[in-house]
PDB file of N, CA and C in Angstrom:
ATOM      1  N   MET A   1      79.401 117.203  42.773  1.00  0.00           N
ATOM      2  CA  MET A   1      80.038 117.369  41.477  1.00  0.00           C
ATOM      3  C   MET A   1      79.424 118.586  40.795  1.00  0.00           C
ATOM      4  N   LEU A   2      80.297 119.433  40.292  1.00  0.00           N
ATOM      5  CA  LEU A   2      79.857 120.621  39.553  1.00  0.00           C
ATOM      6  C   LEU A   2      79.997 120.376  38.063  1.00  0.00           C
ATOM      7  N   ARG A   3      79.046 120.843  37.305  1.00  0.00           N
ATOM      8  CA  ARG A   3      79.138 120.784  35.842  1.00  0.00           C
ATOM      9  C   ARG A   3      79.195 122.211  35.340  1.00  0.00           C
ATOM     10  N   LYS A   4      80.409 122.741  35.303  1.00  0.00           N
ATOM     11  CA  LYS A   4      80.572 124.130  34.897  1.00  0.00           C
ATOM     12  C   LYS A   4      81.855 124.255  34.092  1.00  0.00           C
ATOM     13  N   GLN A   5      81.761 124.867  32.934  1.00  0.00           N
ATOM     14  CA  GLN A   5      82.948 125.128  32.131  1.00  0.00           C
ATOM     15  C   GLN A   5      83.481 126.498  32.486  1.00  0.00           C
ATOM     16  N   ILE A   6      84.785 126.557  32.740  1.00  0.00           N
ATOM     17  CA  ILE A   6      85.430 127.842  33.038  1.00  0.00           C
ATOM     18  C   ILE A   6      86.684 127.964  32.195  1.00  0.00           C
ATOM     19  N   LYS A   7      87.030 129.192  31.893  1.00  0.00           N
ATOM     20  CA  LYS A   7      88.236 129.459  31.108  1.00  0.00           C
ATOM     21  C   LYS A   7      89.455 129.412  32.026  1.00  0.00           C
ATOM     22  N   ARG A   8      90.607 129.185  31.433  1.00  0.00           N
ATOM     23  CA  ARG A   8      91.839 129.008  32.192  1.00  0.00           C
ATOM     24  C   ARG A   8      92.129 130.185  33.126  1.00  0.00           C
ATOM     25  N   ASP A   9      91.896 131.401  32.663  1.00  0.00           N
ATOM     26  CA  ASP A   9      92.198 132.566  33.504  1.00  0.00           C
ATOM     27  C   ASP A   9      91.185 132.754  34.635  1.00  0.00           C
ATOM     28  N   GLN A  10      90.096 131.985  34.628  1.00  0.00           N
ATOM     29  CA  GLN A  10      89.080 132.083  35.673  1.00  0.00           C
ATOM     30  C   GLN A  10      89.187 130.970  36.722  1.00  0.00           C
ATOM     31  N   VAL A  11      90.082 130.010  36.518  1.00  0.00           N
ATOM     32  CA  VAL A  11      90.157 128.836  37.391  1.00  0.00           C
ATOM     33  C   VAL A  11      90.492 129.222  38.832  1.00  0.00           C
ATOM     34  N   ALA A  12      91.551 130.005  39.032  1.00  0.00           N
ATOM     35  CA  ALA A  12      91.974 130.355  40.391  1.00  0.00           C
ATOM     36  C   ALA A  12      90.879 131.108  41.136  1.00  0.00           C
ATOM     37  N   ALA A  13      90.262 132.075  40.485  1.00  0.00           N
ATOM     38  CA  ALA A  13      89.203 132.853  41.138  1.00  0.00           C
ATOM     39  C   ALA A  13      87.996 131.974  41.469  1.00  0.00           C
ATOM     40  N   PHE A  14      87.665 131.043  40.582  1.00  0.00           N
ATOM     41  CA  PHE A  14      86.533 130.152  40.820  1.00  0.00           C
ATOM     42  C   PHE A  14      86.761 129.306  42.070  1.00  0.00           C
ATOM     43  N   PHE A  15      87.939 128.677  42.163  1.00  0.00           N
ATOM     44  CA  PHE A  15      88.207 127.807  43.310  1.00  0.00           C
ATOM     45  C   PHE A  15      88.464 128.592  44.592  1.00  0.00           C
ATOM     46  N   ALA A  16      88.918 129.822  44.480  1.00  0.00           N
ATOM     47  CA  ALA A  16      89.124 130.650  45.672  1.00  0.00           C
ATOM     48  C   ALA A  16      87.784 130.969  46.332  1.00  0.00           C
ATOM     49  N   ASN A  17      86.733 131.108  45.540  1.00  0.00           N
ATOM     50  CA  ASN A  17      85.411 131.438  46.071  1.00  0.00           C
ATOM     51  C   ASN A  17      84.578 130.210  46.432  1.00  0.00           C
ATOM     52  N   LEU A  18      85.086 129.019  46.135  1.00  0.00           N
ATOM     53  CA  LEU A  18      84.369 127.780  46.419  1.00  0.00           C
ATOM     54  C   LEU A  18      84.690 127.324  47.844  1.00  0.00           C
ATOM     55  N   PRO A  19      83.704 126.840  48.605  1.00  0.00           N
ATOM     56  CA  PRO A  19      84.020 126.324  49.942  1.00  0.00           C
ATOM     57  C   PRO A  19      84.937 125.106  49.827  1.00  0.00           C
ATOM     58  N   PRO A  20      85.773 124.836  50.842  1.00  0.00           N
ATOM     59  CA  PRO A  20      86.716 123.712  50.766  1.00  0.00           C
ATOM     60  C   PRO A  20      86.026 122.395  50.398  1.00  0.00           C
ATOM     61  N   CYS A  21      86.621 121.689  49.441  1.00  0.00           N
ATOM     62  CA  CYS A  21      86.046 120.431  48.972  1.00  0.00           C
ATOM     63  C   CYS A  21      87.158 119.522  48.468  1.00  0.00           C
ATOM     64  N   LEU A  22      86.807 118.311  48.049  1.00  0.00           N
ATOM     65  CA  LEU A  22      87.747 117.355  47.479  1.00  0.00           C
ATOM     66  C   LEU A  22      87.834 117.592  45.979  1.00  0.00           C
ATOM     67  N   ILE A  23      89.052 117.747  45.473  1.00  0.00           N
ATOM     68  CA  ILE A  23      89.275 117.977  44.047  1.00  0.00           C
ATOM     69  C   ILE A  23      90.194 116.880  43.533  1.00  0.00           C
ATOM     70  N   GLY A  24      89.757 116.186  42.493  1.00  0.00           N
ATOM     71  CA  GLY A  24      90.565 115.153  41.858  1.00  0.00           C
ATOM     72  C   GLY A  24      91.066 115.628  40.514  1.00  0.00           C
ATOM     73  N   MET A  25      92.342 115.308  40.205  1.00  0.00           N
ATOM     74  CA  MET A  25      92.924 115.685  38.916  1.00  0.00           C
ATOM     75  C   MET A  25      93.836 114.579  38.424  1.00  0.00           C
ATOM     76  N   GLU A  26      93.966 114.488  37.095  1.00  0.00           N
ATOM     77  CA  GLU A  26      94.972 113.594  36.530  1.00  0.00           C
ATOM     78  C   GLU A  26      96.339 114.233  36.742  1.00  0.00           C
ATOM     79  N   ALA A  27      97.304 113.418  37.111  1.00  0.00           N
ATOM     80  CA  ALA A  27      98.646 113.924  37.386  1.00  0.00           C
ATOM     81  C   ALA A  27      99.380 114.237  36.085  1.00  0.00           C
ATOM     82  N   CYS A  28      99.957 115.426  36.026  1.00  0.00           N
ATOM     83  CA  CYS A  28     100.825 115.845  34.932  1.00  0.00           C
ATOM     84  C   CYS A  28     101.696 116.964  35.491  1.00  0.00           C
ATOM     85  N   GLY A  29     102.556 117.530  34.697  1.00  0.00           N
ATOM     86  CA  GLY A  29     103.445 118.572  35.198  1.00  0.00           C
ATOM     87  C   GLY A  29     102.721 119.763  35.784  1.00  0.00           C
ATOM     88  N   SER A  30     101.710 120.257  35.104  1.00  0.00           N
ATOM     89  CA  SER A  30     100.997 121.434  35.601  1.00  0.00           C
ATOM     90  C   SER A  30     100.012 121.089  36.715  1.00  0.00           C
ATOM     91  N   ALA A  31      99.626 119.816  36.832  1.00  0.00           N
ATOM     92  CA  ALA A  31      98.692 119.420  37.891  1.00  0.00           C
ATOM     93  C   ALA A  31      99.304 119.649  39.270  1.00  0.00           C
ATOM     94  N   HIS A  32     100.610 119.478  39.393  1.00  0.00           N
ATOM     95  CA  HIS A  32     101.265 119.686  40.684  1.00  0.00           C
ATOM     96  C   HIS A  32     101.196 121.165  41.079  1.00  0.00           C
ATOM     97  N   HIS A  33     101.394 122.050  40.102  1.00  0.00           N
ATOM     98  CA  HIS A  33     101.274 123.484  40.368  1.00  0.00           C
ATOM     99  C   HIS A  33      99.863 123.818  40.833  1.00  0.00           C
ATOM    100  N   TRP A  34      98.857 123.325  40.083  1.00  0.00           N
ATOM    101  CA  TRP A  34      97.474 123.620  40.440  1.00  0.00           C
ATOM    102  C   TRP A  34      97.090 122.980  41.767  1.00  0.00           C
ATOM    103  N   ALA A  35      97.620 121.817  42.064  1.00  0.00           N
ATOM    104  CA  ALA A  35      97.316 121.169  43.342  1.00  0.00           C
ATOM    105  C   ALA A  35      97.831 122.017  44.502  1.00  0.00           C
ATOM    106  N   ARG A  36      99.045 122.536  44.363  1.00  0.00           N
ATOM    107  CA  ARG A  36      99.590 123.407  45.424  1.00  0.00           C
ATOM    108  C   ARG A  36      98.736 124.664  45.582  1.00  0.00           C
ATOM    109  N   LYS A  37      98.337 125.237  44.447  1.00  0.00           N
ATOM    110  CA  LYS A  37      97.522 126.462  44.485  1.00  0.00           C
ATOM    111  C   LYS A  37      96.156 126.195  45.122  1.00  0.00           C
ATOM    112  N   LEU A  38      95.510 125.101  44.734  1.00  0.00           N
ATOM    113  CA  LEU A  38      94.194 124.770  45.279  1.00  0.00           C
ATOM    114  C   LEU A  38      94.280 124.413  46.765  1.00  0.00           C
ATOM    115  N   GLN A  39      95.368 123.781  47.176  1.00  0.00           N
ATOM    116  CA  GLN A  39      95.552 123.496  48.600  1.00  0.00           C
ATOM    117  C   GLN A  39      95.688 124.784  49.391  1.00  0.00           C
ATOM    118  N   SER A  40      96.300 125.794  48.791  1.00  0.00           N
ATOM    119  CA  SER A  40      96.433 127.076  49.484  1.00  0.00           C
ATOM    120  C   SER A  40      95.068 127.745  49.698  1.00  0.00           C
ATOM    121  N   PHE A  41      94.065 127.351  48.902  1.00  0.00           N
ATOM    122  CA  PHE A  41      92.693 127.858  49.087  1.00  0.00           C
ATOM    123  C   PHE A  41      91.926 127.036  50.117  1.00  0.00           C
ATOM    124  N   GLY A  42      92.536 125.969  50.642  1.00  0.00           N
ATOM    125  CA  GLY A  42      91.896 125.144  51.656  1.00  0.00           C
ATOM    126  C   GLY A  42      91.252 123.872  51.139  1.00  0.00           C
ATOM    127  N   HIS A  43      91.416 123.571  49.864  1.00  0.00           N
ATOM    128  CA  HIS A  43      90.814 122.373  49.280  1.00  0.00           C
ATOM    129  C   HIS A  43      91.695 121.153  49.529  1.00  0.00           C
ATOM    130  N   THR A  44      91.086 119.966  49.484  1.00  0.00           N
ATOM    131  CA  THR A  44      91.821 118.709  49.515  1.00  0.00           C
ATOM    132  C   THR A  44      91.985 118.257  48.075  1.00  0.00           C
ATOM    133  N   VAL A  45      93.229 118.087  47.644  1.00  0.00           N
ATOM    134  CA  VAL A  45      93.503 117.757  46.253  1.00  0.00           C
ATOM    135  C   VAL A  45      94.124 116.363  46.180  1.00  0.00           C
ATOM    136  N   LYS A  46      93.609 115.540  45.272  1.00  0.00           N
ATOM    137  CA  LYS A  46      94.128 114.197  45.040  1.00  0.00           C
ATOM    138  C   LYS A  46      94.509 114.087  43.569  1.00  0.00           C
ATOM    139  N   LEU A  47      95.751 113.694  43.317  1.00  0.00           N
ATOM    140  CA  LEU A  47      96.224 113.487  41.956  1.00  0.00           C
ATOM    141  C   LEU A  47      96.243 111.996  41.651  1.00  0.00           C
ATOM    142  N   MET A  48      95.815 111.641  40.448  1.00  0.00           N
ATOM    143  CA  MET A  48      95.790 110.247  40.027  1.00  0.00           C
ATOM    144  C   MET A  48      96.518 110.102  38.698  1.00  0.00           C
ATOM    145  N   ALA A  49      97.249 109.005  38.546  1.00  0.00           N
ATOM    146  CA  ALA A  49      97.912 108.725  37.277  1.00  0.00           C
ATOM    147  C   ALA A  49      96.851 108.460  36.211  1.00  0.00           C
ATOM    148  N   PRO A  50      97.050 108.964  34.998  1.00  0.00           N
ATOM    149  CA  PRO A  50      96.040 108.801  33.942  1.00  0.00           C
ATOM    150  C   PRO A  50      95.666 107.351  33.664  1.00  0.00           C
ATOM    151  N   GLN A  51      96.617 106.418  33.784  1.00  0.00           N
ATOM    152  CA  GLN A  51      96.296 105.017  33.499  1.00  0.00           C
ATOM    153  C   GLN A  51      95.334 104.422  34.525  1.00  0.00           C
ATOM    154  N   PHE A  52      95.236 105.034  35.711  1.00  0.00           N
ATOM    155  CA  PHE A  52      94.283 104.541  36.713  1.00  0.00           C
ATOM    156  C   PHE A  52      92.905 105.187  36.544  1.00  0.00           C
ATOM    157  N   VAL A  53      92.842 106.293  35.826  1.00  0.00           N
ATOM    158  CA  VAL A  53      91.566 106.965  35.578  1.00  0.00           C
ATOM    159  C   VAL A  53      90.905 106.400  34.323  1.00  0.00           C
ATOM    160  N   LYS A  54      91.706 105.992  33.358  1.00  0.00           N
ATOM    161  CA  LYS A  54      91.204 105.548  32.058  1.00  0.00           C
ATOM    162  C   LYS A  54      90.114 104.476  32.144  1.00  0.00           C
ATOM    163  N   PRO A  55      90.200 103.474  33.044  1.00  0.00           N
ATOM    164  CA  PRO A  55      89.134 102.462  33.094  1.00  0.00           C
ATOM    165  C   PRO A  55      87.752 103.029  33.437  1.00  0.00           C
ATOM    166  N   TYR A  56      87.707 104.219  33.994  1.00  0.00           N
ATOM    167  CA  TYR A  56      86.427 104.808  34.394  1.00  0.00           C
ATOM    168  C   TYR A  56      85.794 105.673  33.303  1.00  0.00           C
ATOM    169  N   VAL A  57      86.496 105.867  32.176  1.00  0.00           N
ATOM    170  CA  VAL A  57      85.934 106.632  31.056  1.00  0.00           C
ATOM    171  C   VAL A  57      84.908 105.753  30.356  1.00  0.00           C
ATOM    172  N   LYS A  58      83.666 106.218  30.276  1.00  0.00           N
ATOM    173  CA  LYS A  58      82.576 105.391  29.760  1.00  0.00           C
ATOM    174  C   LYS A  58      82.357 105.547  28.260  1.00  0.00           C
ATOM    175  N   THR A  59      82.688 106.703  27.712  1.00  0.00           N
ATOM    176  CA  THR A  59      82.422 106.953  26.295  1.00  0.00           C
ATOM    177  C   THR A  59      83.702 107.411  25.621  1.00  0.00           C
ATOM    178  N   ASN A  60      83.556 108.063  24.493  1.00  0.00           N
ATOM    179  CA  ASN A  60      84.718 108.589  23.782  1.00  0.00           C
ATOM    180  C   ASN A  60      85.451 109.602  24.639  1.00  0.00           C
ATOM    181  N   LYS A  61      86.733 109.746  24.348  1.00  0.00           N
ATOM    182  CA  LYS A  61      87.555 110.651  25.144  1.00  0.00           C
ATOM    183  C   LYS A  61      87.250 112.101  24.789  1.00  0.00           C
ATOM    184  N   ASN A  62      86.719 112.835  25.766  1.00  0.00           N
ATOM    185  CA  ASN A  62      86.528 114.270  25.650  1.00  0.00           C
ATOM    186  C   ASN A  62      86.587 114.843  27.061  1.00  0.00           C
ATOM    187  N   ASP A  63      86.554 116.148  27.184  1.00  0.00           N
ATOM    188  CA  ASP A  63      86.732 116.778  28.487  1.00  0.00           C
ATOM    189  C   ASP A  63      85.653 116.383  29.490  1.00  0.00           C
ATOM    190  N   VAL A  64      84.407 116.306  29.046  1.00  0.00           N
ATOM    191  CA  VAL A  64      83.308 115.963  29.949  1.00  0.00           C
ATOM    192  C   VAL A  64      83.440 114.519  30.423  1.00  0.00           C
ATOM    193  N   ALA A  65      83.738 113.603  29.505  1.00  0.00           N
ATOM    194  CA  ALA A  65      83.901 112.197  29.876  1.00  0.00           C
ATOM    195  C   ALA A  65      85.091 112.023  30.816  1.00  0.00           C
ATOM    196  N   ASP A  66      86.191 112.754  30.548  1.00  0.00           N
ATOM    197  CA  ASP A  66      87.360 112.695  31.436  1.00  0.00           C
ATOM    198  C   ASP A  66      87.012 113.206  32.827  1.00  0.00           C
ATOM    199  N   ALA A  67      86.271 114.299  32.901  1.00  0.00           N
ATOM    200  CA  ALA A  67      85.892 114.866  34.204  1.00  0.00           C
ATOM    201  C   ALA A  67      85.027 113.891  34.990  1.00  0.00           C
ATOM    202  N   GLU A  68      84.090 113.240  34.314  1.00  0.00           N
ATOM    203  CA  GLU A  68      83.243 112.258  34.993  1.00  0.00           C
ATOM    204  C   GLU A  68      84.067 111.070  35.478  1.00  0.00           C
ATOM    205  N   ALA A  69      85.011 110.626  34.664  1.00  0.00           N
ATOM    206  CA  ALA A  69      85.865 109.497  35.049  1.00  0.00           C
ATOM    207  C   ALA A  69      86.734 109.863  36.254  1.00  0.00           C
ATOM    208  N   ILE A  70      87.267 111.074  36.274  1.00  0.00           N
ATOM    209  CA  ILE A  70      88.086 111.519  37.400  1.00  0.00           C
ATOM    210  C   ILE A  70      87.242 111.586  38.659  1.00  0.00           C
ATOM    211  N   CYS A  71      86.020 112.087  38.531  1.00  0.00           N
ATOM    212  CA  CYS A  71      85.105 112.171  39.675  1.00  0.00           C
ATOM    213  C   CYS A  71      84.798 110.781  40.228  1.00  0.00           C
ATOM    214  N   GLU A  72      84.578 109.842  39.339  1.00  0.00           N
ATOM    215  CA  GLU A  72      84.309 108.456  39.747  1.00  0.00           C
ATOM    216  C   GLU A  72      85.549 107.834  40.398  1.00  0.00           C
ATOM    217  N   ALA A  73      86.710 108.059  39.800  1.00  0.00           N
ATOM    218  CA  ALA A  73      87.940 107.433  40.291  1.00  0.00           C
ATOM    219  C   ALA A  73      88.367 107.986  41.650  1.00  0.00           C
ATOM    220  N   VAL A  74      88.215 109.282  41.876  1.00  0.00           N
ATOM    221  CA  VAL A  74      88.680 109.883  43.123  1.00  0.00           C
ATOM    222  C   VAL A  74      87.869 109.374  44.322  1.00  0.00           C
ATOM    223  N   ALA A  75      86.649 108.925  44.070  1.00  0.00           N
ATOM    224  CA  ALA A  75      85.789 108.436  45.155  1.00  0.00           C
ATOM    225  C   ALA A  75      86.053 106.976  45.502  1.00  0.00           C
ATOM    226  N   ARG A  76      86.831 106.275  44.689  1.00  0.00           N
ATOM    227  CA  ARG A  76      87.114 104.856  44.938  1.00  0.00           C
ATOM    228  C   ARG A  76      88.054 104.702  46.126  1.00  0.00           C
ATOM    229  N   PRO A  77      87.737 103.784  47.047  1.00  0.00           N
ATOM    230  CA  PRO A  77      88.580 103.628  48.239  1.00  0.00           C
ATOM    231  C   PRO A  77      89.943 103.003  47.947  1.00  0.00           C
ATOM    232  N   ASN A  78      90.055 102.224  46.875  1.00  0.00           N
ATOM    233  CA  ASN A  78      91.332 101.562  46.588  1.00  0.00           C
ATOM    234  C   ASN A  78      92.150 102.278  45.518  1.00  0.00           C
ATOM    235  N   MET A  79      91.803 103.509  45.199  1.00  0.00           N
ATOM    236  CA  MET A  79      92.534 104.277  44.180  1.00  0.00           C
ATOM    237  C   MET A  79      93.918 104.638  44.703  1.00  0.00           C
ATOM    238  N   ARG A  80      94.922 104.521  43.840  1.00  0.00           N
ATOM    239  CA  ARG A  80      96.292 104.921  44.201  1.00  0.00           C
ATOM    240  C   ARG A  80      96.508 106.365  43.744  1.00  0.00           C
ATOM    241  N   PHE A  81      96.909 107.180  44.681  1.00  0.00           N
ATOM    242  CA  PHE A  81      97.102 108.604  44.394  1.00  0.00           C
ATOM    243  C   PHE A  81      98.580 108.938  44.276  1.00  0.00           C
ATOM    244  N   VAL A  82      98.861 109.974  43.515  1.00  0.00           N
ATOM    245  CA  VAL A  82     100.217 110.461  43.301  1.00  0.00           C
ATOM    246  C   VAL A  82     100.486 111.566  44.316  1.00  0.00           C
ATOM    247  N   PRO A  83     101.619 111.497  45.029  1.00  0.00           N
ATOM    248  CA  PRO A  83     101.913 112.596  45.961  1.00  0.00           C
ATOM    249  C   PRO A  83     102.171 113.904  45.214  1.00  0.00           C
ATOM    250  N   ILE A  84     101.743 114.993  45.794  1.00  0.00           N
ATOM    251  CA  ILE A  84     101.918 116.307  45.169  1.00  0.00           C
ATOM    252  C   ILE A  84     103.360 116.755  45.377  1.00  0.00           C
ATOM    253  N   LYS A  85     104.013 117.098  44.287  1.00  0.00           N
ATOM    254  CA  LYS A  85     105.422 117.507  44.349  1.00  0.00           C
ATOM    255  C   LYS A  85     105.522 119.007  44.648  1.00  0.00           C
ATOM    256  N   THR A  86     106.566 119.360  45.387  1.00  0.00           N
ATOM    257  CA  THR A  86     106.843 120.769  45.634  1.00  0.00           C
ATOM    258  C   THR A  86     107.503 121.355  44.389  1.00  0.00           C
ATOM    259  N   ALA A  87     107.598 122.662  44.332  1.00  0.00           N
ATOM    260  CA  ALA A  87     108.260 123.318  43.195  1.00  0.00           C
ATOM    261  C   ALA A  87     109.729 122.900  43.119  1.00  0.00           C
ATOM    262  N   GLU A  88     110.361 122.721  44.288  1.00  0.00           N
ATOM    263  CA  GLU A  88     111.764 122.313  44.311  1.00  0.00           C
ATOM    264  C   GLU A  88     111.924 120.900  43.749  1.00  0.00           C
ATOM    265  N   GLN A  89     111.024 119.992  44.110  1.00  0.00           N
ATOM    266  CA  GLN A  89     111.089 118.635  43.585  1.00  0.00           C
ATOM    267  C   GLN A  89     110.914 118.630  42.072  1.00  0.00           C
ATOM    268  N   GLN A  90     110.008 119.434  41.568  1.00  0.00           N
ATOM    269  CA  GLN A  90     109.805 119.509  40.121  1.00  0.00           C
ATOM    270  C   GLN A  90     111.030 120.084  39.422  1.00  0.00           C
ATOM    271  N   SER A  91     111.706 121.050  40.057  1.00  0.00           N
ATOM    272  CA  SER A  91     112.919 121.623  39.467  1.00  0.00           C
ATOM    273  C   SER A  91     114.022 120.585  39.372  1.00  0.00           C
ATOM    274  N   VAL A  92     114.203 119.821  40.434  1.00  0.00           N
ATOM    275  CA  VAL A  92     115.234 118.777  40.439  1.00  0.00           C
ATOM    276  C   VAL A  92     114.923 117.730  39.375  1.00  0.00           C
ATOM    277  N   LEU A  93     113.663 117.327  39.260  1.00  0.00           N
ATOM    278  CA  LEU A  93     113.290 116.342  38.248  1.00  0.00           C
ATOM    279  C   LEU A  93     113.526 116.857  36.835  1.00  0.00           C
ATOM    280  N   SER A  94     113.274 118.142  36.604  1.00  0.00           N
ATOM    281  CA  SER A  94     113.510 118.690  35.262  1.00  0.00           C
ATOM    282  C   SER A  94     115.006 118.712  34.951  1.00  0.00           C
ATOM    283  N   LEU A  95     115.838 118.974  35.957  1.00  0.00           N
ATOM    284  CA  LEU A  95     117.288 118.916  35.744  1.00  0.00           C
ATOM    285  C   LEU A  95     117.728 117.493  35.414  1.00  0.00           C
ATOM    286  N   HIS A  96     117.176 116.507  36.122  1.00  0.00           N
ATOM    287  CA  HIS A  96     117.511 115.112  35.838  1.00  0.00           C
ATOM    288  C   HIS A  96     117.096 114.724  34.421  1.00  0.00           C
ATOM    289  N   ARG A  97     115.914 115.181  33.986  1.00  0.00           N
ATOM    290  CA  ARG A  97     115.458 114.881  32.623  1.00  0.00           C
ATOM    291  C   ARG A  97     116.374 115.525  31.590  1.00  0.00           C
ATOM    292  N   ALA A  98     116.774 116.768  31.840  1.00  0.00           N
ATOM    293  CA  ALA A  98     117.674 117.452  30.903  1.00  0.00           C
ATOM    294  C   ALA A  98     119.017 116.732  30.830  1.00  0.00           C
ATOM    295  N   ARG A  99     119.536 116.324  31.992  1.00  0.00           N
ATOM    296  CA  ARG A  99     120.813 115.599  32.012  1.00  0.00           C
ATOM    297  C   ARG A  99     120.692 114.286  31.257  1.00  0.00           C
ATOM    298  N   GLN A 100     119.591 113.555  31.479  1.00  0.00           N
ATOM    299  CA  GLN A 100     119.378 112.288  30.785  1.00  0.00           C
ATOM    300  C   GLN A 100     119.333 112.498  29.280  1.00  0.00           C
ATOM    301  N   SER A 101     118.739 113.584  28.843  1.00  0.00           N
ATOM    302  CA  SER A 101     118.675 113.889  27.417  1.00  0.00           C
ATOM    303  C   SER A 101     120.076 114.147  26.859  1.00  0.00           C
ATOM    304  N   PHE A 102     120.900 114.887  27.614  1.00  0.00           N
ATOM    305  CA  PHE A 102     122.278 115.140  27.164  1.00  0.00           C
ATOM    306  C   PHE A 102     123.086 113.851  27.106  1.00  0.00           C
ATOM    307  N   VAL A 103     122.929 112.986  28.091  1.00  0.00           N
ATOM    308  CA  VAL A 103     123.650 111.708  28.100  1.00  0.00           C
ATOM    309  C   VAL A 103     123.230 110.864  26.910  1.00  0.00           C
ATOM    310  N   LYS A 104     121.942 110.825  26.624  1.00  0.00           N
ATOM    311  CA  LYS A 104     121.440 110.044  25.496  1.00  0.00           C
ATOM    312  C   LYS A 104     122.010 110.580  24.181  1.00  0.00           C
ATOM    313  N   ALA A 105     122.039 111.909  24.044  1.00  0.00           N
ATOM    314  CA  ALA A 105     122.581 112.506  22.819  1.00  0.00           C
ATOM    315  C   ALA A 105     124.084 112.237  22.697  1.00  0.00           C
ATOM    316  N   ARG A 106     124.790 112.311  23.810  1.00  0.00           N
ATOM    317  CA  ARG A 106     126.242 112.107  23.793  1.00  0.00           C
ATOM    318  C   ARG A 106     126.589 110.670  23.422  1.00  0.00           C
ATOM    319  N   THR A 107     125.864 109.706  23.968  1.00  0.00           N
ATOM    320  CA  THR A 107     126.163 108.307  23.655  1.00  0.00           C
ATOM    321  C   THR A 107     125.641 107.921  22.277  1.00  0.00           C
ATOM    322  N   GLY A 108     124.691 108.653  21.757  1.00  0.00           N
ATOM    323  CA  GLY A 108     124.155 108.337  20.440  1.00  0.00           C
ATOM    324  C   GLY A 108     125.084 108.705  19.311  1.00  0.00           C
ATOM    325  N   LYS A 109     125.869 109.764  19.470  1.00  0.00           N
ATOM    326  CA  LYS A 109     126.761 110.206  18.396  1.00  0.00           C
ATOM    327  C   LYS A 109     127.822 109.158  18.062  1.00  0.00           C
ATOM    328  N   PRO A 110     128.563 108.630  19.029  1.00  0.00           N
ATOM    329  CA  PRO A 110     129.548 107.595  18.671  1.00  0.00           C
ATOM    330  C   PRO A 110     128.889 106.354  18.072  1.00  0.00           C
ATOM    331  N   THR A 111     127.730 106.010  18.537  1.00  0.00           N
ATOM    332  CA  THR A 111     127.040 104.841  17.997  1.00  0.00           C
ATOM    333  C   THR A 111     126.667 105.076  16.542  1.00  0.00           C
ATOM    334  N   ARG A 112     126.132 106.251  16.241  1.00  0.00           N
ATOM    335  CA  ARG A 112     125.779 106.560  14.855  1.00  0.00           C
ATOM    336  C   ARG A 112     127.024 106.577  13.972  1.00  0.00           C
ATOM    337  N   PHE A 113     128.111 107.113  14.479  1.00  0.00           N
ATOM    338  CA  PHE A 113     129.355 107.159  13.710  1.00  0.00           C
ATOM    339  C   PHE A 113     129.869 105.747  13.449  1.00  0.00           C
ATOM    340  N   ALA A 114     129.809 104.882  14.459  1.00  0.00           N
ATOM    341  CA  ALA A 114     130.279 103.505  14.289  1.00  0.00           C
ATOM    342  C   ALA A 114     129.434 102.765  13.262  1.00  0.00           C
ATOM    343  N   VAL A 115     128.145 102.962  13.301  1.00  0.00           N
ATOM    344  CA  VAL A 115     127.251 102.306  12.336  1.00  0.00           C
ATOM    345  C   VAL A 115     127.524 102.834  10.934  1.00  0.00           C
ATOM    346  N   TYR A 116     127.713 104.150  10.825  1.00  0.00           N
ATOM    347  CA  TYR A 116     127.986 104.750   9.526  1.00  0.00           C
ATOM    348  C   TYR A 116     129.311 104.238   8.962  1.00  0.00           C
ATOM    349  N   SER A 117     130.356 104.229   9.779  1.00  0.00           N
ATOM    350  CA  SER A 117     131.665 103.796   9.297  1.00  0.00           C
ATOM    351  C   SER A 117     131.663 102.305   8.983  1.00  0.00           C
ATOM    352  N   ALA A 118     130.926 101.498   9.735  1.00  0.00           N
ATOM    353  CA  ALA A 118     130.842 100.064   9.454  1.00  0.00           C
ATOM    354  C   ALA A 118     130.122  99.817   8.133  1.00  0.00           C
ATOM    355  N   SER A 119     129.138 100.633   7.841  1.00  0.00           N
ATOM    356  CA  SER A 119     128.394 100.426   6.594  1.00  0.00           C
ATOM    357  C   SER A 119     129.209 100.870   5.383  1.00  0.00           C
ATOM    358  N   MET A 120     130.169 101.763   5.574  1.00  0.00           N
ATOM    359  CA  MET A 120     130.993 102.254   4.469  1.00  0.00           C
ATOM    360  C   MET A 120     132.172 101.329   4.169  1.00  0.00           C
ATOM    361  N   ALA A 121     132.552 100.488   5.132  1.00  0.00           N
ATOM    362  CA  ALA A 121     133.731  99.626   4.965  1.00  0.00           C
ATOM    363  C   ALA A 121     133.292  98.238   4.510  1.00  0.00           C
ATOM    364  N   TRP A 122     132.791  98.090   3.330  1.00  0.00           N
ATOM    365  CA  TRP A 122     132.364  96.785   2.822  1.00  0.00           C
ATOM    366  C   TRP A 122     133.331  96.320   1.893  1.00  0.00           C
TER     367      TRP A 122
END
């Protein structure tokens, strides 16, 4: 485990110069991008859902406590990991989310109109 703070623009260069190792991260949209990038440097990357990492946080939530919890969680043999998505998979998922948002907005308008008109007809 390394205890080193690095700035965002230094992350890629730092891991490129590091010998191949196991890297654990909480899964989020940008984690998939970084996982692909770190794998291209020869590292083994494991993504974990935040709700599975949270039980390992020992103190108040901050970056250092989160990093320690992730380090502890990635070493657990029964930890459930999230598969790393390709860029194409992430693109398709973003299209599905956008479509779902449009459907929700479209179905919400008639409902709001019906509620409004029902409240006016007393």
